[in-house]
Protein backbone atom coordinates (compact mmCIF):
# COMPACT_ATOMS: atom_id res chain seq x y z
CA MET A 1 -0.11 0.20 -0.07
CA LEU A 2 1.71 3.28 -0.94
CA THR A 3 0.05 6.53 0.52
CA LEU A 4 1.62 9.60 -0.79
CA TYR A 5 1.19 12.87 1.55
CA GLY A 6 1.55 16.42 -0.01
CA THR A 7 -0.04 18.78 -2.48
CA SER A 8 0.80 19.07 -5.89
CA LYS A 9 2.05 22.65 -5.53
CA THR A 10 5.16 21.34 -3.21
CA ARG A 11 8.19 18.87 -4.30
CA ALA A 12 4.97 16.38 -3.53
CA LEU A 13 4.45 16.78 -7.30
CA ARG A 14 7.77 14.97 -8.07
CA PRO A 15 6.92 11.24 -6.97
CA LEU A 16 3.28 12.33 -7.67
CA TRP A 17 4.70 12.88 -11.53
CA LEU A 18 6.80 9.37 -10.92
CA LEU A 19 3.36 7.26 -9.37
CA GLU A 20 1.55 8.26 -12.42
CA GLU A 21 4.20 7.58 -14.98
CA LEU A 22 4.26 4.09 -13.48
CA GLY A 23 0.88 3.92 -13.52
CA LEU A 24 0.94 2.29 -9.72
CA ASP A 25 -1.47 2.12 -7.72
CA TYR A 26 -1.50 5.04 -4.49
CA THR A 27 -3.61 6.60 -2.15
CA HIS A 28 -3.25 10.18 -2.23
CA GLU A 29 -3.23 12.90 0.70
CA PRO A 30 -3.25 16.49 0.06
CA THR A 31 -1.69 17.37 3.21
CA PRO A 32 0.05 20.68 3.62
CA PRO A 33 3.53 20.76 5.31
CA ARG A 34 3.15 20.73 9.38
CA HIS A 35 0.36 19.42 9.06
CA ASP A 36 -1.35 17.20 12.17
CA ALA A 37 -1.50 13.94 9.84
CA LEU A 38 2.11 14.45 9.47
CA LYS A 39 3.56 14.26 12.83
CA THR A 40 4.19 10.64 13.17
CA LEU A 41 5.38 10.45 9.61
CA SER A 42 8.07 12.78 9.68
CA ASN A 43 9.71 14.83 12.52
CA LEU A 44 10.20 17.76 10.80
CA GLY A 45 6.45 18.45 9.19
CA LYS A 46 7.91 18.48 6.01
CA VAL A 47 6.42 16.69 2.80
CA PRO A 48 6.57 14.68 0.60
CA VAL A 49 6.05 11.73 2.89
CA LEU A 50 5.36 8.11 1.44
CA ASP A 51 4.09 5.68 3.41
CA ALA A 52 5.17 2.63 1.90
CA ASP A 53 3.64 -0.55 3.50
CA GLY A 54 3.75 1.24 7.19
CA THR A 55 7.27 2.54 6.50
CA ALA A 56 7.29 6.52 6.41
CA ILE A 57 9.89 7.59 3.63
CA THR A 58 10.49 11.29 3.67
CA ASP A 59 12.43 13.70 1.10
CA SER A 60 10.72 14.11 -2.39
CA THR A 61 14.34 12.36 -3.96
CA ALA A 62 14.61 9.34 -2.04
CA ILE A 63 11.11 8.49 -2.78
CA LEU A 64 11.84 9.11 -6.14
CA THR A 65 14.35 6.58 -6.26
CA TYR A 66 13.01 3.77 -3.82
CA LEU A 67 10.34 4.02 -6.64
CA ALA A 68 12.44 3.49 -9.36
CA ASP A 69 14.15 0.96 -8.29
CA ARG A 70 11.48 -1.44 -6.70
CA GLU A 71 9.68 -0.65 -10.56
CA GLY A 72 12.90 -1.38 -12.26
CA ARG A 73 12.62 2.14 -14.77
CA PHE A 74 13.15 5.97 -14.97
CA THR A 75 16.35 5.37 -13.56
CA ALA A 76 19.95 3.21 -13.87
CA PRO A 77 20.11 0.14 -11.72
CA ALA A 78 22.30 0.42 -8.98
CA GLY A 79 25.76 -0.13 -8.97
CA THR A 80 26.30 0.78 -12.63
CA LEU A 81 28.74 3.39 -14.04
CA ALA A 82 25.40 4.74 -15.60
CA ARG A 83 23.74 5.36 -12.02
CA ALA A 84 26.93 6.78 -11.15
CA GLU A 85 26.15 9.22 -13.72
CA GLN A 86 22.29 9.55 -13.53
CA ASP A 87 23.18 9.95 -9.38
CA ALA A 88 25.88 12.98 -10.50
CA LEU A 89 22.98 14.48 -12.19
CA THR A 90 20.15 14.01 -9.86
CA PHE A 91 22.92 16.09 -6.75
CA MET A 92 23.86 18.77 -9.52
CA VAL A 93 20.17 19.40 -9.97
CA LEU A 94 19.69 19.57 -6.47
CA ASP A 95 23.12 21.58 -4.86
CA ASP A 96 22.85 23.59 -8.07
CA LEU A 97 19.29 24.55 -9.52
CA GLU A 98 17.57 23.51 -6.61
CA GLY A 99 19.72 25.12 -3.35
CA GLN A 100 19.63 28.54 -5.69
CA LEU A 101 15.49 28.24 -5.76
CA TRP A 102 15.48 27.48 -1.95
CA THR A 103 17.95 30.42 -1.20
CA ALA A 104 15.53 32.57 -2.52
CA ALA A 105 12.47 31.38 -0.81
CA LYS A 106 14.06 31.19 2.63
CA HIS A 107 15.21 34.52 2.27
CA SER A 108 11.90 35.64 -0.01
CA PHE A 109 9.36 34.52 3.12
CA ILE A 110 10.40 31.30 5.03
CA LEU A 111 13.17 33.10 6.89
CA PRO A 112 12.16 35.41 9.80
CA GLU A 113 12.15 38.91 8.57
CA GLU A 114 15.10 39.75 10.79
CA ARG A 115 17.28 36.80 9.34
CA ARG A 116 16.60 37.80 5.68
CA VAL A 117 19.13 39.13 3.28
CA PRO A 118 17.45 40.31 -0.17
CA ALA A 119 20.54 40.65 -1.70
CA VAL A 120 21.29 36.90 -1.32
CA LYS A 121 18.40 36.21 -4.07
CA GLU A 122 19.88 38.38 -7.57
CA THR A 123 23.26 36.04 -6.71
CA ALA A 124 20.83 33.12 -6.57
CA ARG A 125 19.45 34.00 -9.96
CA TRP A 126 22.47 34.57 -11.33
CA GLU A 127 24.27 31.31 -10.09
CA PHE A 128 20.98 29.42 -11.18
CA SER A 129 21.21 30.85 -15.08
CA ARG A 130 24.71 29.48 -15.16
CA TYR A 131 24.24 26.13 -13.86
CA VAL A 132 21.49 25.54 -15.88
CA ASP A 133 24.13 26.79 -19.17
CA LYS A 134 26.10 23.53 -17.37
CA LEU A 135 23.55 21.06 -16.95
CA MET A 136 22.47 21.68 -20.46
CA GLU A 137 25.75 21.06 -21.55
CA ARG A 138 26.11 17.62 -20.03
CA ARG A 139 22.49 16.45 -21.55
CA LYS A 140 22.53 13.41 -23.71
CA GLY A 141 19.25 13.56 -25.37
CA PRO A 142 16.25 14.48 -25.35
CA TRP A 143 16.86 13.74 -21.60
CA LEU A 144 19.31 14.13 -19.59
CA MET A 145 20.56 10.66 -19.09
CA GLY A 146 19.71 10.40 -23.29
CA ASP A 147 16.80 8.64 -24.72
CA GLU A 148 14.95 7.56 -21.15
CA MET A 149 13.49 9.94 -18.66
CA THR A 150 15.01 9.65 -15.50
CA ILE A 151 14.69 10.72 -11.63
CA PRO A 152 17.17 13.78 -12.24
CA ASP A 153 14.75 14.93 -15.02
CA ILE A 154 11.80 14.72 -12.84
CA ILE A 155 13.68 17.16 -10.20
CA ALA A 156 14.93 19.35 -13.17
CA VAL A 157 11.76 19.82 -14.65
CA HIS A 158 10.14 20.58 -11.54
CA CYS A 159 12.72 23.19 -10.66
CA GLY A 160 11.90 24.83 -14.11
CA GLY A 161 8.46 25.11 -12.96
CA TRP A 162 9.49 26.74 -9.24
CA ALA A 163 12.14 28.86 -11.14
CA LYS A 164 9.08 30.41 -13.58
CA SER A 165 7.03 30.99 -10.36
CA ALA A 166 9.98 32.51 -8.64
CA LYS A 167 10.60 34.64 -11.69
CA PHE A 168 14.33 33.08 -12.12
CA GLU A 169 14.27 34.08 -15.88
CA THR A 170 16.82 32.00 -18.06
CA ASP A 171 17.74 32.42 -21.81
CA ASN A 172 18.91 28.92 -22.72
CA GLU A 173 16.59 27.69 -24.89
CA ASP A 174 17.55 24.61 -24.75
CA TYR A 175 16.41 24.80 -20.97
CA VAL A 176 13.11 25.67 -22.24
CA ALA A 177 12.43 23.05 -24.57
CA TYR A 178 13.61 20.49 -21.93
CA ILE A 179 10.76 21.83 -19.49
CA LYS A 180 8.15 22.05 -21.31
CA GLN A 181 9.20 18.92 -22.82
CA GLY A 182 8.64 17.31 -19.37
CA ARG A 183 5.38 19.18 -18.69
CA ALA A 184 3.91 17.94 -21.99
CA ARG A 185 3.88 14.32 -20.69
CA GLU A 186 0.52 13.44 -19.86
CA ALA A 187 1.58 11.68 -16.56
CA PHE A 188 2.96 14.95 -15.43
CA LYS A 189 -0.51 16.78 -16.28
CA ARG A 190 -2.33 13.94 -14.01
CA ALA A 191 -0.02 15.07 -11.00
CA ALA A 192 -0.30 18.58 -11.75
CA ALA A 193 -3.59 18.41 -11.49
CA LEU A 194 -4.15 16.99 -8.28
CA PRO A 195 -4.85 19.16 -5.43
């Protein structure tokens, strides 16, 4: 039994998308962060959380990895060089793209006002744009790893939507087309339409 907690307006969109791609049966609980229902599943109160047969898996990337490994799809096999390359791309997207978005968000509305440094947001925008270029240089085909979509694509496409809403503009036409390609997938559309 799989139950995913989190709304599609959060990082929960990532595992929702993969669940839809995989065609798995699951229950979706559109729970906002820090909701009472999360207290027994995540001591941080963050979403997403996947309850997989009574075991709580926190963090969107951990959930993606678990599901992809379990089903043998959207990932290279563990212990292979292809998996090492895939993991390197995953960490690059998390560190260099999502990291910039998260820094800007923290200094916009998450941190207490007295802890915010608004000037850091311009640096984060500049770094984001720079790393988008580097990511597209590493892309091996229509998707980051080549012909097949994998875990880092799900995260990178999600970051593209986040970047747009945060007004992180990029003039990298390859990245813009790449994001559109991901968001055009039927499974993405189904996941994004969820509460």
